[in-house]
Amino acid sequence: MKRITKRNIMAAFGSVMLAGLASCAQAAGEKPNIVFILADDLGYGELGCYGQEKIRTPHIDQLAKEGMKFNQHYTGAPVCAPARCVLMTGKSLARAEIRGNRDSGNGKKFPGQFPITADAVTIAEVLKEQGYTTGAFGKWGLGPSDTTGSPMKQGFDRYYGYNCQRNAHSYYPPFLDSDEGTVTINKNPIPGHKRQPKGEVKAEDYIAENYAPKLILDESLKFIDKNKDKPFFLYLPFVEPHVSIQSPQELIDTYPKEWDKDREYRGQNGYLPHPRPRAAYAAMITDLDRHVGAVMERLKKYGLDENTIVIFTSDNGPTHEGGDKRFNIGGADCEFFNSRGELKGYKGSCYEGGIRIPCVVKWPGKVKPGSETSFPSYFPDWFVTMAHIGGATLADKDQDGVDITPVLEGAASVKRDVPMIWDFHNYGGIVAIREGKWKALRRNLLEKNGKPAAPWELYDIEVDPAEKNNVASEHKDVVKQLEKVWLERRTIEPDFPVPFVDGKKELK
């Protein structure tokens, strides 16, 4: 596949121009700051503002009260790396460079994931062209520092966190990445995977000197301190509540002990053991909520909150079931917390539970406090929207997302020319297409172990968000049309192949 060069694409953005709805203040140089907070494996039902009744999330709930709650917002992919690729580049999984989790294979310990290329254009690069200072703090997952995928080579002025997703499996890792280097944070790190079949499970046995999420938060706040007098783009892909479960003990102690009576988790579903997995999982989300509160407080301290758009969402749905059915992966209990609400599926699935995610946006003067929208939106939309907010004109009209600024300002919808598409290359290979009320889905595209692709499924999401009634046989014309759109839109990505017949875009 011939790639369009980054130089040509960046030239297409043209000179700095006022966005269509930019204010006079912005014209004078007071562009809004942009803060994008990305949780890790946070389910649709795990926030108070989305119906959660057991886990406390006061700061995010307050964000929703002061802003807009999205009822049908979708990630770009049902797992980490491809979701981040879609978010950063604005290309849907039908055209993204990364379509599944895959290591770079460069031979180092925690080397990082398969890198995006030098030609990839990220939203950080677009905003930097418009005069924004850019910083990323948290989990990257799009390429090690010695590759083209490094955040420092993809438009960020400052980076601190977990470059590699596997290093992020522990909250007490040996090191974190800082710009193009690493810093040792624990002399006695805790590996992210261990079982304890016998003996008393003690949380303190899986704690080291420095808690990585706190260090990441502290560095992000320093970024605000340093750049408070100029427009900035702050990308915060925080790691909670992705397992391992290693939350602060003072928060665990605030949740009922009876939740975990006779439920000691010994690591049998992967990741680390914990004596109180339900309380500790809830504490992870409450700790994430405290991070959001700290960021909001720092913005308020400098009077930046009135000229900052804050977007909070998740990279995919909650962690899926494991071999021991009493627990999800890592000891989580997503049924106990109703983590996915009424939805079907978990992380790794293109059913609603795997890709529909919470999203709240606060933007004073633009977004009406306490408002909600049911307009279906997803990650590629943020690339176009943030570019617009930052003053960039996207001369390249071949975008997968749409500008949802009108929705933020109260419009019921905006016109979407290209359906939302997921072309996912893990978990056997899955494709999903949503257009209007219809969502088509097909699994096992990779046809592993000689198993053919599953038949198409079709759901009317407006009346059946839980995807209980597959109506593919009753609407074959709809299925055929959605399949046609996917195949026409899809580019062949050599690094993430799907088997086709005689090179034609027709599945077996």
Protein backbone atom coordinates (compact mmCIF):
# COMPACT_ATOMS: atom_id res chain seq x y z
CA MET A 1 0.00 0.00 0.00
CA LYS A 2 1.43 3.38 -0.96
CA ARG A 3 1.46 5.77 2.00
CA ILE A 4 0.76 9.48 1.71
CA THR A 5 3.77 11.31 3.16
CA LYS A 6 3.53 13.31 6.33
CA ARG A 7 5.13 16.29 4.61
CA ASN A 8 2.37 16.43 2.01
CA ILE A 9 -0.39 16.05 4.58
CA MET A 10 1.02 18.68 6.90
CA ALA A 11 1.35 21.08 3.99
CA ALA A 12 -2.31 20.52 3.27
CA PHE A 13 -3.27 21.97 6.62
CA GLY A 14 -2.13 25.35 5.30
CA SER A 15 -1.40 28.43 7.32
CA VAL A 16 -3.00 29.26 10.65
CA MET A 17 -6.62 30.28 10.10
CA LEU A 18 -9.51 31.12 12.36
CA ALA A 19 -11.97 28.30 12.82
CA GLY A 20 -15.47 29.10 11.63
CA LEU A 21 -16.81 29.58 15.13
CA ALA A 22 -13.67 31.01 16.78
CA SER A 23 -14.27 33.89 19.14
CA CYS A 24 -12.70 37.33 19.01
CA ALA A 25 -10.66 36.40 22.05
CA GLN A 26 -9.26 33.41 20.22
CA ALA A 27 -8.50 35.63 17.25
CA ALA A 28 -6.40 37.75 19.59
CA GLY A 29 -4.33 34.70 20.46
CA GLU A 30 -6.30 33.34 23.41
CA LYS A 31 -6.99 29.93 21.94
CA PRO A 32 -8.69 27.47 24.26
CA ASN A 33 -6.49 24.95 26.02
CA ILE A 34 -7.39 21.35 25.21
CA VAL A 35 -7.21 18.64 27.88
CA PHE A 36 -8.00 15.09 26.75
CA ILE A 37 -8.23 12.54 29.59
CA LEU A 38 -8.30 8.87 28.56
CA ALA A 39 -9.08 6.19 31.16
CA ASP A 40 -7.89 2.62 30.56
CA ASP A 41 -10.52 -0.17 30.43
CA LEU A 42 -13.20 1.95 32.12
CA GLY A 43 -16.63 0.51 31.37
CA TYR A 44 -19.75 2.36 30.22
CA GLY A 45 -21.43 1.81 33.59
CA GLU A 46 -18.54 2.48 35.97
CA LEU A 47 -19.20 6.18 36.68
CA GLY A 48 -21.86 7.66 38.92
CA CYS A 49 -23.11 9.88 36.10
CA TYR A 50 -23.70 6.71 34.04
CA GLY A 51 -25.64 4.91 36.76
CA GLN A 52 -22.88 3.39 38.89
CA GLU A 53 -24.15 2.86 42.45
CA LYS A 54 -21.17 1.33 44.28
CA ILE A 55 -18.07 3.21 43.07
CA ARG A 56 -17.54 6.85 44.04
CA THR A 57 -16.59 9.19 41.17
CA PRO A 58 -17.50 12.69 42.44
CA HIS A 59 -15.08 14.71 40.31
CA ILE A 60 -16.06 13.11 37.00
CA ASP A 61 -19.72 13.34 37.99
CA GLN A 62 -19.19 17.05 38.63
CA LEU A 63 -17.58 17.36 35.22
CA ALA A 64 -20.77 15.92 33.74
CA LYS A 65 -22.92 18.35 35.76
CA GLU A 66 -20.88 21.25 34.41
CA GLY A 67 -20.74 19.91 30.89
CA MET A 68 -22.21 17.37 28.48
CA LYS A 69 -22.70 13.63 28.85
CA PHE A 70 -22.47 11.49 25.70
CA ASN A 71 -24.86 8.54 25.67
CA GLN A 72 -23.59 6.92 22.46
CA HIS A 73 -19.87 7.54 22.30
CA TYR A 74 -17.52 4.89 20.92
CA THR A 75 -13.83 4.14 21.08
CA GLY A 76 -11.80 3.59 17.94
CA ALA A 77 -10.98 -0.03 18.87
CA PRO A 78 -11.80 -2.53 21.63
CA VAL A 79 -8.20 -2.77 22.92
CA CYS A 80 -5.38 -0.40 23.83
CA ALA A 81 -2.93 0.28 20.98
CA PRO A 82 -5.33 0.49 18.02
CA ALA A 83 -7.72 2.67 20.03
CA ARG A 84 -4.87 5.09 20.69
CA CYS A 85 -3.83 5.00 17.03
CA VAL A 86 -7.33 5.94 15.90
CA LEU A 87 -7.54 8.72 18.49
CA MET A 88 -4.15 10.21 17.63
CA THR A 89 -4.41 9.98 13.82
CA GLY A 90 -8.16 10.31 13.20
CA LYS A 91 -8.19 7.30 10.87
CA SER A 92 -10.74 4.62 11.62
CA LEU A 93 -9.64 1.00 11.99
CA ALA A 94 -10.55 0.46 8.34
CA ARG A 95 -7.58 2.68 7.43
CA ALA A 96 -5.41 2.88 10.55
CA GLU A 97 -1.77 1.82 10.63
CA ILE A 98 -2.32 -0.11 13.88
CA ARG A 99 -5.32 -2.47 13.92
CA GLY A 100 -4.47 -4.68 16.87
CA ASN A 101 -2.15 -4.99 19.87
CA ARG A 102 1.26 -6.13 18.69
CA ASP A 103 4.75 -5.70 20.14
CA SER A 104 7.50 -3.95 18.23
CA GLY A 105 9.80 -6.96 18.57
CA ASN A 106 12.97 -4.91 18.90
CA GLY A 107 14.35 -7.28 21.53
CA LYS A 108 14.49 -5.02 24.60
CA LYS A 109 12.73 -5.62 27.90
CA PHE A 110 9.38 -3.83 27.61
CA PRO A 111 10.27 -2.65 24.10
CA GLY A 112 6.93 -1.09 23.31
CA GLN A 113 4.26 -1.73 20.74
CA PHE A 114 4.28 -1.82 16.94
CA PRO A 115 5.17 1.77 15.94
CA ILE A 116 3.19 4.16 13.84
CA THR A 117 5.23 5.42 10.91
CA ALA A 118 6.98 8.73 10.34
CA ASP A 119 4.24 9.53 7.82
CA ALA A 120 1.44 9.28 10.40
CA VAL A 121 -0.01 12.68 11.26
CA THR A 122 -1.13 13.02 14.86
CA ILE A 123 -3.44 15.57 16.42
CA ALA A 124 -0.45 16.73 18.48
CA GLU A 125 1.36 17.69 15.28
CA VAL A 126 -1.68 19.49 13.94
CA LEU A 127 -2.14 21.51 17.14
CA LYS A 128 1.58 22.22 17.41
CA GLU A 129 1.37 23.82 13.97
CA GLN A 130 -1.26 26.13 15.44
CA GLY A 131 1.00 27.29 18.26
CA TYR A 132 0.05 24.81 20.97
CA THR A 133 2.56 23.40 23.44
CA THR A 134 1.91 19.68 23.64
CA GLY A 135 2.36 17.17 26.44
CA ALA A 136 1.40 13.52 26.99
CA PHE A 137 1.41 11.79 30.37
CA GLY A 138 0.39 8.18 30.83
CA LYS A 139 0.30 5.10 28.57
CA TRP A 140 1.42 5.62 24.97
CA GLY A 141 1.49 2.21 23.22
CA LEU A 142 2.32 3.46 19.71
CA GLY A 143 6.03 2.76 19.45
CA PRO A 144 9.24 2.79 21.53
CA SER A 145 11.41 5.87 21.89
CA ASP A 146 13.96 4.53 19.40
CA THR A 147 11.36 4.21 16.63
CA THR A 148 9.20 6.48 14.47
CA GLY A 149 6.35 5.84 16.92
CA SER A 150 7.92 7.71 19.84
CA PRO A 151 5.60 10.43 21.17
CA MET A 152 8.53 12.85 20.92
CA LYS A 153 8.68 12.14 17.18
CA GLN A 154 4.91 12.45 16.82
CA GLY A 155 4.32 16.04 17.87
CA PHE A 156 4.71 16.05 21.64
CA ASP A 157 7.04 18.50 23.40
CA ARG A 158 6.97 16.53 26.65
CA TYR A 159 6.22 12.91 27.47
CA TYR A 160 6.23 11.01 30.76
CA GLY A 161 4.71 7.64 31.52
CA TYR A 162 4.54 4.08 30.25
CA ASN A 163 5.69 3.87 26.65
CA CYS A 164 5.07 0.12 26.63
CA GLN A 165 1.69 -1.32 27.57
CA ARG A 166 3.26 -4.40 29.15
CA ASN A 167 5.33 -2.26 31.52
CA ALA A 168 1.99 -0.73 32.53
CA HIS A 169 0.75 -4.10 33.83
CA SER A 170 2.29 -3.10 37.15
CA TYR A 171 1.67 0.13 39.04
CA TYR A 172 5.09 -0.33 40.65
CA PRO A 173 7.26 -0.90 37.55
CA PRO A 174 11.07 -0.66 37.42
CA PHE A 175 11.00 2.50 35.32
CA LEU A 176 8.91 5.05 33.48
CA ASP A 177 9.73 6.78 30.20
CA SER A 178 10.61 10.46 30.24
CA ASP A 179 10.80 12.10 26.80
CA GLU A 180 13.27 9.86 24.91
CA GLY A 181 14.84 8.27 27.99
CA THR A 182 13.85 6.25 31.06
CA VAL A 183 13.92 6.97 34.78
CA THR A 184 14.20 4.28 37.44
CA ILE A 185 11.36 4.67 39.95
CA ASN A 186 11.52 1.39 41.90
CA LYS A 187 14.66 -0.45 42.97
CA ASN A 188 12.48 -3.41 43.91
CA PRO A 189 9.77 -3.35 41.24
CA ILE A 190 6.70 -5.58 41.27
CA PRO A 191 6.19 -7.71 38.13
CA GLY A 192 2.65 -7.38 36.82
CA HIS A 193 1.94 -11.12 36.64
CA LYS A 194 2.12 -13.60 39.50
CA ARG A 195 0.00 -16.31 41.08
CA GLN A 196 -0.16 -17.19 44.76
CA PRO A 197 -1.89 -20.59 45.00
CA LYS A 198 -1.27 -20.95 48.73
CA GLY A 199 -0.85 -18.83 51.83
CA GLU A 200 -2.36 -15.55 52.94
CA VAL A 201 -2.61 -12.98 50.16
CA LYS A 202 -1.33 -9.63 51.41
CA ALA A 203 -1.69 -6.43 49.39
CA GLU A 204 1.52 -5.05 50.91
CA ASP A 205 3.50 -7.86 49.29
CA TYR A 206 2.76 -6.28 45.91
CA ILE A 207 3.75 -2.70 46.72
CA ALA A 208 7.09 -1.02 46.06
CA GLU A 209 8.56 2.43 46.75
CA ASN A 210 6.85 4.59 44.13
CA TYR A 211 3.31 4.42 42.76
CA ALA A 212 3.54 5.21 39.04
CA PRO A 213 0.09 6.83 38.62
CA LYS A 214 0.98 9.48 41.22
CA LEU A 215 4.28 10.26 39.50
CA ILE A 216 2.49 10.58 36.16
CA LEU A 217 -0.14 12.89 37.65
CA ASP A 218 2.54 15.04 39.30
CA GLU A 219 4.38 15.49 36.00
CA SER A 220 1.16 16.45 34.22
CA LEU A 221 0.46 19.12 36.83
CA LYS A 222 4.00 20.48 36.37
CA PHE A 223 3.21 20.76 32.65
CA ILE A 224 0.20 22.96 33.46
CA ASP A 225 2.33 25.05 35.84
CA LYS A 226 4.99 25.59 33.20
CA ASN A 227 2.65 26.34 30.29
CA LYS A 228 -0.16 28.27 31.99
CA ASP A 229 0.54 31.44 30.00
CA LYS A 230 0.22 29.91 26.52
CA PRO A 231 -2.21 27.56 24.78
CA PHE A 232 -1.51 23.90 25.42
CA PHE A 233 -2.77 20.48 24.42
CA LEU A 234 -2.57 18.11 27.39
CA TYR A 235 -3.13 14.44 26.59
CA LEU A 236 -3.63 12.33 29.73
CA PRO A 237 -3.95 8.60 28.94
CA PHE A 238 -4.09 7.55 32.61
CA VAL A 239 -3.60 3.83 33.31
CA GLU A 240 -6.40 3.16 35.80
CA PRO A 241 -8.45 0.96 36.14
CA HIS A 242 -6.47 -1.45 33.93
CA VAL A 243 -5.32 -4.40 36.02
CA SER A 244 -3.13 -5.33 37.92
CA ILE A 245 -5.23 -4.30 40.91
CA GLN A 246 -2.79 -2.27 43.04
CA SER A 247 -4.76 0.68 44.38
CA PRO A 248 -3.89 2.90 47.38
CA GLN A 249 -4.76 1.18 50.66
CA GLU A 250 -6.40 4.29 52.15
CA LEU A 251 -8.98 4.19 49.37
CA ILE A 252 -9.49 0.43 49.63
CA ASP A 253 -10.31 0.89 53.30
CA THR A 254 -13.20 3.22 52.45
CA TYR A 255 -15.10 0.39 50.72
CA PRO A 256 -17.04 -2.36 52.57
CA LYS A 257 -15.05 -5.35 53.77
CA GLU A 258 -18.07 -7.60 53.30
CA TRP A 259 -17.78 -7.16 49.52
CA ASP A 260 -14.81 -9.52 49.54
CA LYS A 261 -15.75 -12.05 52.17
CA ASP A 262 -14.34 -15.39 50.98
CA ARG A 263 -13.34 -13.83 47.64
CA GLU A 264 -9.56 -13.73 47.87
CA TYR A 265 -8.08 -13.47 44.37
CA ARG A 266 -4.92 -15.52 43.79
CA GLY A 267 -3.96 -14.42 40.29
CA GLN A 268 -5.62 -17.37 38.54
CA ASN A 269 -7.10 -15.11 35.83
CA GLY A 270 -3.80 -13.36 35.15
CA TYR A 271 -2.07 -10.37 36.74
CA LEU A 272 -1.43 -10.00 40.48
CA PRO A 273 -3.30 -11.46 43.45
CA HIS A 274 -5.27 -9.28 45.87
CA PRO A 275 -7.03 -10.07 49.17
CA ARG A 276 -9.90 -7.61 48.52
CA PRO A 277 -10.34 -7.46 44.73
CA ARG A 278 -13.76 -5.79 44.64
CA ALA A 279 -12.86 -3.02 47.07
CA ALA A 280 -9.47 -2.54 45.40
CA TYR A 281 -10.98 -2.36 41.92
CA ALA A 282 -13.45 0.29 43.09
CA ALA A 283 -10.54 2.14 44.69
CA MET A 284 -8.69 2.19 41.36
CA ILE A 285 -11.58 4.04 39.74
CA THR A 286 -11.93 6.41 42.68
CA ASP A 287 -8.19 7.12 42.45
CA LEU A 288 -8.61 7.86 38.74
CA ASP A 289 -11.41 10.22 39.72
CA ARG A 290 -9.06 11.97 42.14
CA HIS A 291 -6.59 12.48 39.29
CA VAL A 292 -9.31 14.21 37.29
CA GLY A 293 -10.11 16.38 40.30
CA ALA A 294 -6.45 17.35 40.68
CA VAL A 295 -6.22 18.41 37.03
CA MET A 296 -9.39 20.46 37.29
CA GLU A 297 -8.17 22.13 40.49
CA ARG A 298 -4.86 23.07 38.88
CA LEU A 299 -6.66 24.62 35.90
CA LYS A 300 -8.88 26.57 38.29
CA LYS A 301 -5.86 27.75 40.30
CA TYR A 302 -4.58 29.68 37.29
CA GLY A 303 -7.99 30.76 36.01
CA LEU A 304 -7.60 28.49 32.99
CA ASP A 305 -10.79 26.50 33.52
CA GLU A 306 -12.94 29.11 31.75
CA ASN A 307 -10.91 28.86 28.54
CA THR A 308 -10.22 25.13 28.49
CA ILE A 309 -12.16 22.29 26.92
CA VAL A 310 -11.83 19.12 29.01
CA ILE A 311 -12.74 15.80 27.40
CA PHE A 312 -12.93 12.65 29.54
CA THR A 313 -13.47 9.19 28.06
CA SER A 314 -12.08 5.62 28.00
CA ASP A 315 -10.07 3.57 25.53
CA ASN A 316 -12.46 0.57 25.51
CA GLY A 317 -14.88 -1.41 27.64
CA PRO A 318 -14.14 -3.24 30.92
CA THR A 319 -11.90 -6.27 31.17
CA HIS A 320 -13.44 -9.56 30.04
CA GLU A 321 -14.09 -12.87 31.76
CA GLY A 322 -11.34 -15.29 32.71
CA GLY A 323 -11.03 -19.01 33.31
CA ASP A 324 -12.32 -18.73 36.86
CA LYS A 325 -15.81 -17.38 36.21
CA ARG A 326 -16.02 -15.79 39.65
CA PHE A 327 -13.64 -13.11 38.39
CA ASN A 328 -12.92 -11.17 35.25
CA ILE A 329 -9.32 -10.86 34.08
CA GLY A 330 -7.03 -9.63 36.85
CA GLY A 331 -9.57 -10.25 39.61
CA ALA A 332 -12.10 -7.60 38.55
CA ASP A 333 -15.80 -8.34 39.08
CA CYS A 334 -17.60 -6.51 36.30
CA GLU A 335 -20.94 -8.17 37.01
CA PHE A 336 -20.89 -7.05 40.64
CA PHE A 337 -20.30 -3.44 39.55
CA ASN A 338 -22.51 -3.63 36.45
CA SER A 339 -19.47 -2.27 34.63
CA ARG A 340 -20.98 -2.38 31.15
CA GLY A 341 -24.52 -1.37 32.10
CA GLU A 342 -27.10 -3.15 29.96
CA LEU A 343 -24.65 -3.69 27.12
CA LYS A 344 -23.34 -6.94 25.63
CA GLY A 345 -19.66 -7.86 25.50
CA TYR A 346 -16.44 -6.74 27.12
CA LYS A 347 -13.04 -5.42 26.11
CA GLY A 348 -11.83 -7.20 22.97
CA SER A 349 -15.35 -7.35 21.56
CA CYS A 350 -17.03 -5.11 19.02
CA TYR A 351 -20.37 -5.59 20.72
CA GLU A 352 -21.53 -2.43 22.50
CA GLY A 353 -19.96 -3.40 25.84
CA GLY A 354 -16.53 -3.52 24.25
CA ILE A 355 -16.64 -0.25 22.31
CA ARG A 356 -19.35 2.02 23.76
CA ILE A 357 -17.65 4.10 26.44
CA PRO A 358 -18.41 6.93 28.86
CA CYS A 359 -17.61 10.44 27.63
CA VAL A 360 -18.15 13.80 29.31
CA VAL A 361 -17.05 17.21 28.04
CA LYS A 362 -16.80 20.51 29.85
CA TRP A 363 -16.27 23.70 27.84
CA PRO A 364 -17.53 26.87 29.58
CA GLY A 365 -19.41 29.22 27.30
CA LYS A 366 -19.83 26.54 24.64
CA VAL A 367 -21.25 23.43 26.31
CA LYS A 368 -24.45 23.80 28.31
CA PRO A 369 -24.04 22.53 31.89
CA GLY A 370 -25.97 19.36 32.62
CA SER A 371 -26.68 18.64 28.96
CA GLU A 372 -26.69 15.26 27.22
CA THR A 373 -26.44 14.05 23.66
CA SER A 374 -27.43 10.76 22.03
CA PHE A 375 -25.65 11.58 18.77
CA PRO A 376 -23.48 8.54 17.90
CA SER A 377 -19.84 9.68 17.89
CA TYR A 378 -16.40 8.06 18.07
CA PHE A 379 -12.66 8.66 18.29
CA PRO A 380 -12.03 9.85 14.70
CA ASP A 381 -14.42 12.72 15.42
CA TRP A 382 -12.07 14.10 18.06
CA PHE A 383 -9.24 14.55 15.57
CA VAL A 384 -11.40 16.76 13.36
CA THR A 385 -13.04 18.52 16.31
CA MET A 386 -9.83 19.32 18.19
CA ALA A 387 -8.19 20.50 14.97
CA HIS A 388 -11.14 22.86 14.44
CA ILE A 389 -11.04 24.10 18.02
CA GLY A 390 -7.30 24.74 17.70
CA GLY A 391 -7.77 26.83 14.54
CA ALA A 392 -6.53 24.35 11.94
CA THR A 393 -8.19 24.00 8.56
CA LEU A 394 -8.08 20.41 7.37
CA ALA A 395 -7.56 20.81 3.65
CA ASP A 396 -7.56 17.02 3.34
CA LYS A 397 -11.29 16.30 3.15
CA ASP A 398 -10.76 12.55 3.31
CA GLN A 399 -11.50 12.31 7.03
CA ASP A 400 -13.11 9.41 8.83
CA GLY A 401 -14.52 11.61 11.57
CA VAL A 402 -16.76 14.67 11.64
CA ASP A 403 -16.52 17.97 13.50
CA ILE A 404 -18.86 17.60 16.47
CA THR A 405 -18.44 21.19 17.69
CA PRO A 406 -22.09 21.90 16.74
CA VAL A 407 -23.17 18.98 18.94
CA LEU A 408 -21.12 20.36 21.82
CA GLU A 409 -22.90 23.67 21.32
CA GLY A 410 -26.35 22.09 21.39
CA ALA A 411 -27.14 20.72 17.93
CA ALA A 412 -28.93 17.38 17.94
CA SER A 413 -26.66 15.95 15.25
CA VAL A 414 -24.26 16.65 12.41
CA LYS A 415 -24.11 14.99 9.01
CA ARG A 416 -21.84 11.96 8.83
CA ASP A 417 -20.75 11.02 5.30
CA VAL A 418 -18.70 7.96 6.28
CA PRO A 419 -20.20 5.32 8.63
CA MET A 420 -18.36 4.43 11.80
CA ILE A 421 -16.15 1.40 11.10
CA TRP A 422 -14.11 -0.98 13.25
CA ASP A 423 -11.72 -3.35 11.42
CA PHE A 424 -10.14 -5.13 14.39
CA HIS A 425 -7.27 -7.64 14.13
CA ASN A 426 -7.16 -9.37 17.52
CA TYR A 427 -9.56 -11.80 19.19
CA GLY A 428 -9.98 -13.69 15.93
CA GLY A 429 -10.63 -10.60 13.83
CA ILE A 430 -13.85 -8.58 13.97
CA VAL A 431 -15.50 -6.00 11.74
CA ALA A 432 -18.34 -3.74 12.79
CA ILE A 433 -20.06 -0.94 10.88
CA ARG A 434 -22.58 1.47 12.33
CA GLU A 435 -24.70 3.76 10.16
CA GLY A 436 -27.72 5.45 11.70
CA LYS A 437 -29.63 2.94 13.77
CA TRP A 438 -28.01 -0.07 12.12
CA LYS A 439 -24.93 -1.92 13.30
CA ALA A 440 -23.55 -4.88 11.36
CA LEU A 441 -20.91 -7.16 12.88
CA ARG A 442 -18.92 -10.18 11.77
CA ARG A 443 -16.44 -12.21 13.79
CA ASN A 444 -13.51 -14.59 13.14
CA LEU A 445 -12.30 -12.69 10.09
CA LEU A 446 -8.78 -14.09 10.49
CA GLU A 447 -10.18 -17.61 10.03
CA LYS A 448 -7.73 -19.09 12.52
CA ASN A 449 -7.42 -22.85 13.06
CA GLY A 450 -9.40 -23.46 9.90
CA LYS A 451 -12.54 -21.95 11.37
CA PRO A 452 -14.43 -19.91 8.76
CA ALA A 453 -15.67 -16.38 9.37
CA ALA A 454 -18.90 -16.27 11.32
CA PRO A 455 -22.07 -15.08 9.55
CA TRP A 456 -23.03 -11.41 9.63
CA GLU A 457 -25.06 -10.11 12.55
CA LEU A 458 -27.26 -7.01 12.41
CA TYR A 459 -28.78 -4.98 15.23
CA ASP A 460 -31.08 -2.00 15.47
CA ILE A 461 -29.14 -0.15 18.16
CA GLU A 462 -31.84 2.47 18.72
CA VAL A 463 -34.33 -0.10 20.01
CA ASP A 464 -31.90 -2.88 20.94
CA PRO A 465 -28.73 -1.41 22.51
CA ALA A 466 -28.18 -4.70 24.36
CA GLU A 467 -27.92 -6.47 20.96
CA LYS A 468 -30.31 -9.28 21.86
CA ASN A 469 -32.06 -9.57 18.49
CA ASN A 470 -29.96 -10.39 15.46
CA VAL A 471 -32.10 -9.27 12.49
CA ALA A 472 -29.56 -9.98 9.72
CA SER A 473 -31.82 -12.54 8.03
CA GLU A 474 -34.68 -10.02 7.92
CA HIS A 475 -32.62 -7.17 6.44
CA LYS A 476 -30.15 -8.78 4.05
CA ASP A 477 -30.10 -5.64 1.92
CA VAL A 478 -28.90 -3.55 4.88
CA VAL A 479 -26.16 -6.07 5.65
CA LYS A 480 -25.03 -6.10 2.04
CA GLN A 481 -24.89 -2.32 1.87
CA LEU A 482 -22.90 -1.98 5.09
CA GLU A 483 -20.48 -4.69 3.96
CA LYS A 484 -20.04 -2.85 0.66
CA VAL A 485 -19.23 0.42 2.44
CA TRP A 486 -16.65 -1.32 4.63
CA LEU A 487 -14.90 -3.04 1.74
CA GLU A 488 -14.84 0.14 -0.32
CA ARG A 489 -13.51 2.20 2.56
CA ARG A 490 -11.00 -0.32 3.84
CA THR A 491 -7.35 -0.08 2.90
CA ILE A 492 -5.17 -3.18 2.91
CA GLU A 493 -2.60 -2.88 5.69
CA PRO A 494 0.24 -5.36 5.02
CA ASP A 495 1.22 -5.49 8.69
CA PHE A 496 -2.33 -6.47 9.70
CA PRO A 497 -3.64 -8.77 6.95
CA VAL A 498 -7.08 -10.34 6.61
CA PRO A 499 -7.39 -13.33 4.26
CA PHE A 500 -9.15 -12.47 1.00
CA VAL A 501 -9.95 -14.60 -2.03
CA ASP A 502 -7.68 -14.05 -5.06
CA GLY A 503 -6.82 -10.55 -3.80
CA LYS A 504 -10.41 -9.42 -4.20
CA LYS A 505 -12.16 -7.54 -1.41
CA GLU A 506 -14.55 -10.38 -0.78
CA LEU A 507 -14.47 -12.51 2.35
CA LYS A 508 -14.52 -16.28 2.17
